[in-house]
Amino acid sequence: MNISATDFASLLCSRLCHDLLSPVGALNNGLELLADEHDPEMRARCLELLGESARASANKLKFFRLAFGAAGGFGETVDSREAHAAILGLFGDNARLNLGWMVSAQVLPKQAIKVLLNLALIGGDALVRGGQLDIAAETVDDMIEIGVRADGPRIVLDGELRAALLGQSGDLPVTPRAAAAFLTHALVEQSGGTLQVSPPEADILVFGVSFRAG
């Protein structure tokens, strides 16, 4: 699974644009409605919708900055509370999704934070009808262990994402929808770690990652 840095940057940009299209489009539509609306109650409703769309856009940008961008600036570690806040911002408004956070360490290496966030994104997206998303990480004997568990009435992990996570895409092109999976695999491989995914026939979706701290 070979891809140039330029092509991968394009994939990430495409994924980001796709995810921001809805809330930013809602902002634009809301402003157009507000310009033509004179009823005080309707204007108040428009402003409420604009606020919701603005928060959704900001939350997505914060999440992708940590998951895809230069998380935590130029430091080697990131405060795990930033990752928790980013996940809450991304999924917190989804009433059908319950989040479990089991990360005790105050800071984690930047690569670990990126892996954790991208696996949380993939796991949350797989819960198409909602459910429980549990995220855990700990350091044991100089090894960082990350686990993400998704359990719900319907779980869908696209074959392309599964193949990208496991490095089994072969010569098939990587599409923007698999950008997070490709990045996760690359980060784990660069760290000399291992990544496991529960089999397709399993009732729950589990990701497990292990690599050496530092």
Protein backbone atom coordinates (compact mmCIF):
# COMPACT_ATOMS: atom_id res chain seq x y z
CA MET A 1 0.00 0.00 0.00
CA ASN A 2 2.19 2.81 -1.30
CA ILE A 3 1.02 6.39 -1.54
CA SER A 4 2.97 9.61 -1.95
CA ALA A 5 2.97 12.32 0.70
CA THR A 6 1.24 14.68 -1.73
CA ASP A 7 -1.53 12.21 -2.49
CA PHE A 8 -2.04 11.48 1.19
CA ALA A 9 -2.26 15.21 1.98
CA SER A 10 -4.95 15.43 -0.69
CA LEU A 11 -6.85 12.56 0.94
CA LEU A 12 -6.81 14.26 4.32
CA CYS A 13 -7.96 17.56 2.80
CA SER A 14 -10.78 15.79 0.98
CA ARG A 15 -11.89 14.08 4.19
CA LEU A 16 -11.81 17.36 6.12
CA CYS A 17 -13.76 19.21 3.42
CA HIS A 18 -16.36 16.42 3.30
CA ASP A 19 -16.93 16.54 7.05
CA LEU A 20 -17.10 20.34 7.18
CA LEU A 21 -19.38 20.72 4.19
CA SER A 22 -22.58 20.09 6.15
CA PRO A 23 -22.08 22.48 9.11
CA VAL A 24 -20.51 25.21 6.98
CA GLY A 25 -23.30 24.86 4.41
CA ALA A 26 -25.83 25.17 7.23
CA LEU A 27 -24.11 28.38 8.33
CA ASN A 28 -24.42 29.81 4.85
CA ASN A 29 -28.09 28.82 4.57
CA GLY A 30 -28.82 30.24 8.00
CA LEU A 31 -27.28 33.60 7.12
CA GLU A 32 -29.35 33.76 3.94
CA LEU A 33 -32.54 33.01 5.90
CA LEU A 34 -31.63 35.55 8.55
CA ALA A 35 -31.16 38.27 5.94
CA ASP A 36 -34.71 37.74 4.62
CA GLU A 37 -36.45 37.06 7.94
CA HIS A 38 -38.13 39.82 9.95
CA ASP A 39 -40.21 37.86 12.43
CA PRO A 40 -38.46 38.08 15.85
CA GLU A 41 -39.17 34.44 16.76
CA MET A 42 -37.92 33.15 13.44
CA ARG A 43 -34.83 35.33 13.65
CA ALA A 44 -34.12 33.94 17.11
CA ARG A 45 -34.49 30.41 15.73
CA CYS A 46 -32.13 31.23 12.85
CA LEU A 47 -29.55 32.54 15.31
CA GLU A 48 -29.89 29.36 17.38
CA LEU A 49 -29.28 27.22 14.30
CA LEU A 50 -26.32 29.39 13.32
CA GLY A 51 -24.84 28.87 16.78
CA GLU A 52 -25.26 25.10 16.52
CA SER A 53 -23.62 25.00 13.10
CA ALA A 54 -20.75 27.21 14.26
CA ARG A 55 -20.10 24.94 17.25
CA ALA A 56 -20.22 21.83 15.07
CA SER A 57 -17.71 23.37 12.65
CA ALA A 58 -15.38 24.42 15.45
CA ASN A 59 -15.58 20.99 17.12
CA LYS A 60 -14.75 19.17 13.91
CA LEU A 61 -11.79 21.47 13.28
CA LYS A 62 -10.46 20.93 16.82
CA PHE A 63 -10.77 17.17 16.42
CA PHE A 64 -9.06 17.03 13.04
CA ARG A 65 -6.30 19.37 14.21
CA LEU A 66 -5.39 16.77 16.83
CA ALA A 67 -6.14 13.66 14.78
CA PHE A 68 -4.62 14.74 11.45
CA GLY A 69 -2.60 17.88 12.11
CA ALA A 70 0.27 18.98 14.32
CA ALA A 71 -1.37 17.86 17.56
CA GLY A 72 -0.03 19.76 20.53
CA GLY A 73 2.33 21.86 18.44
CA PHE A 74 5.96 20.74 18.31
CA GLY A 75 6.06 18.87 21.61
CA GLU A 76 6.48 15.11 21.85
CA THR A 77 3.46 14.60 24.12
CA VAL A 78 -0.15 15.78 24.22
CA ASP A 79 -2.43 16.27 27.21
CA SER A 80 -4.91 13.39 27.07
CA ARG A 81 -7.64 15.77 28.27
CA GLU A 82 -7.35 17.55 24.93
CA ALA A 83 -8.11 14.28 23.16
CA HIS A 84 -11.06 13.62 25.47
CA ALA A 85 -12.46 17.10 24.82
CA ALA A 86 -12.01 16.64 21.07
CA ILE A 87 -13.93 13.34 21.10
CA LEU A 88 -16.70 14.83 23.24
CA GLY A 89 -16.94 17.75 20.84
CA LEU A 90 -17.20 15.45 17.84
CA PHE A 91 -19.69 12.94 19.25
CA GLY A 92 -21.18 14.71 22.27
CA ASP A 93 -24.27 15.95 20.46
CA ASN A 94 -25.13 12.46 19.20
CA ALA A 95 -27.85 11.38 21.64
CA ARG A 96 -27.66 7.80 20.34
CA LEU A 97 -23.98 7.40 21.19
CA ASN A 98 -22.61 6.81 24.69
CA LEU A 99 -18.93 7.50 25.29
CA GLY A 100 -16.71 5.69 27.76
CA TRP A 101 -13.30 7.22 28.53
CA MET A 102 -10.74 5.04 30.31
CA VAL A 103 -7.47 6.90 29.89
CA SER A 104 -5.74 7.60 33.19
CA ALA A 105 -2.45 9.05 31.92
CA GLN A 106 -2.37 12.84 31.90
CA VAL A 107 -0.14 12.94 28.83
CA LEU A 108 0.54 10.52 26.00
CA PRO A 109 2.98 10.56 23.09
CA LYS A 110 1.71 12.48 20.10
CA GLN A 111 1.56 9.36 17.94
CA ALA A 112 -0.52 7.56 20.57
CA ILE A 113 -2.99 10.45 20.71
CA LYS A 114 -3.35 10.41 16.93
CA VAL A 115 -3.90 6.65 16.85
CA LEU A 116 -6.44 6.88 19.67
CA LEU A 117 -8.37 9.69 18.00
CA ASN A 118 -8.44 8.09 14.57
CA LEU A 119 -9.60 4.75 15.95
CA ALA A 120 -12.29 6.56 17.96
CA LEU A 121 -13.41 8.31 14.76
CA ILE A 122 -13.59 5.01 12.84
CA GLY A 123 -15.35 3.23 15.70
CA GLY A 124 -17.88 6.02 16.15
CA ASP A 125 -18.65 6.16 12.44
CA ALA A 126 -19.16 2.37 12.45
CA LEU A 127 -22.01 2.71 14.97
CA VAL A 128 -24.51 3.75 12.32
CA ARG A 129 -27.46 3.39 14.72
CA GLY A 130 -25.66 4.52 17.82
CA GLY A 131 -24.45 2.48 20.74
CA GLN A 132 -21.52 2.42 23.15
CA LEU A 133 -18.05 3.63 22.22
CA ASP A 134 -15.36 2.89 24.80
CA ILE A 135 -11.84 4.31 24.54
CA ALA A 136 -8.98 3.11 26.71
CA ALA A 137 -5.22 3.58 26.91
CA GLU A 138 -2.54 2.66 29.41
CA THR A 139 1.21 2.24 29.64
CA VAL A 140 2.41 -1.17 30.79
CA ASP A 141 6.11 -2.06 31.01
CA ASP A 142 7.13 0.70 28.56
CA MET A 143 4.41 -0.39 26.14
CA ILE A 144 1.42 1.77 25.23
CA GLU A 145 -1.78 -0.21 24.90
CA ILE A 146 -4.77 1.39 23.16
CA GLY A 147 -8.19 -0.18 22.90
CA VAL A 148 -11.37 1.06 21.23
CA ARG A 149 -14.59 -0.93 21.53
CA ALA A 150 -17.78 -0.20 19.58
CA ASP A 151 -21.00 -2.01 20.49
CA GLY A 152 -24.42 -1.27 19.04
CA PRO A 153 -27.46 -2.58 17.19
CA ARG A 154 -25.74 -2.19 13.81
CA ILE A 155 -22.01 -1.99 13.25
CA VAL A 156 -20.61 -1.32 9.79
CA LEU A 157 -16.87 -1.27 9.14
CA ASP A 158 -16.33 -0.90 5.42
CA GLY A 159 -13.97 -3.44 3.89
CA GLU A 160 -11.80 -0.65 2.52
CA LEU A 161 -11.25 0.73 6.03
CA ARG A 162 -10.51 -2.71 7.46
CA ALA A 163 -7.95 -3.38 4.72
CA ALA A 164 -6.31 0.03 5.20
CA LEU A 165 -6.07 -0.49 8.98
CA LEU A 166 -4.38 -3.84 8.50
CA GLY A 167 -2.18 -2.72 5.61
CA GLN A 168 -3.90 -5.11 3.21
CA SER A 169 -5.09 -2.69 0.52
CA GLY A 170 -2.50 -3.95 -1.95
CA ASP A 171 -2.43 -1.91 -5.14
CA LEU A 172 -5.97 -0.61 -4.68
CA PRO A 173 -6.21 3.20 -4.48
CA VAL A 174 -6.90 4.73 -1.06
CA THR A 175 -9.98 6.97 -1.03
CA PRO A 176 -10.68 9.90 1.34
CA ARG A 177 -13.06 7.79 3.41
CA ALA A 178 -10.12 5.55 4.37
CA ALA A 179 -7.73 8.40 5.20
CA ALA A 180 -8.05 7.91 8.97
CA ALA A 181 -7.50 4.16 8.65
CA PHE A 182 -4.46 4.61 6.41
CA LEU A 183 -2.95 7.16 8.81
CA THR A 184 -3.53 4.86 11.79
CA HIS A 185 -1.79 1.95 10.08
CA ALA A 186 1.14 4.17 9.07
CA LEU A 187 1.59 5.54 12.61
CA VAL A 188 1.51 2.09 14.18
CA GLU A 189 3.92 0.70 11.57
CA GLN A 190 6.35 3.58 12.06
CA SER A 191 6.34 2.88 15.80
CA GLY A 192 7.08 -0.81 15.27
CA GLY A 193 3.77 -1.70 16.89
CA THR A 194 0.89 -4.02 16.16
CA LEU A 195 -2.74 -3.33 15.33
CA GLN A 196 -5.53 -5.86 15.64
CA VAL A 197 -9.15 -5.66 14.49
CA SER A 198 -11.94 -7.98 15.56
CA PRO A 199 -13.12 -10.31 12.76
CA PRO A 200 -15.99 -9.21 10.48
CA GLU A 201 -18.37 -11.80 11.97
CA ALA A 202 -17.89 -10.58 15.55
CA ASP A 203 -20.87 -8.99 17.34
CA ILE A 204 -18.76 -6.05 18.52
CA LEU A 205 -16.00 -4.05 16.88
CA VAL A 206 -12.70 -3.93 18.77
CA PHE A 207 -9.42 -2.26 17.84
CA GLY A 208 -6.28 -3.04 19.77
CA VAL A 209 -2.92 -1.32 19.36
CA SER A 210 0.36 -1.91 21.13
CA PHE A 211 3.66 -0.12 20.61
CA ARG A 212 6.66 0.90 22.65
CA ALA A 213 6.42 4.17 24.53
CA GLY A 214 8.83 6.75 23.22
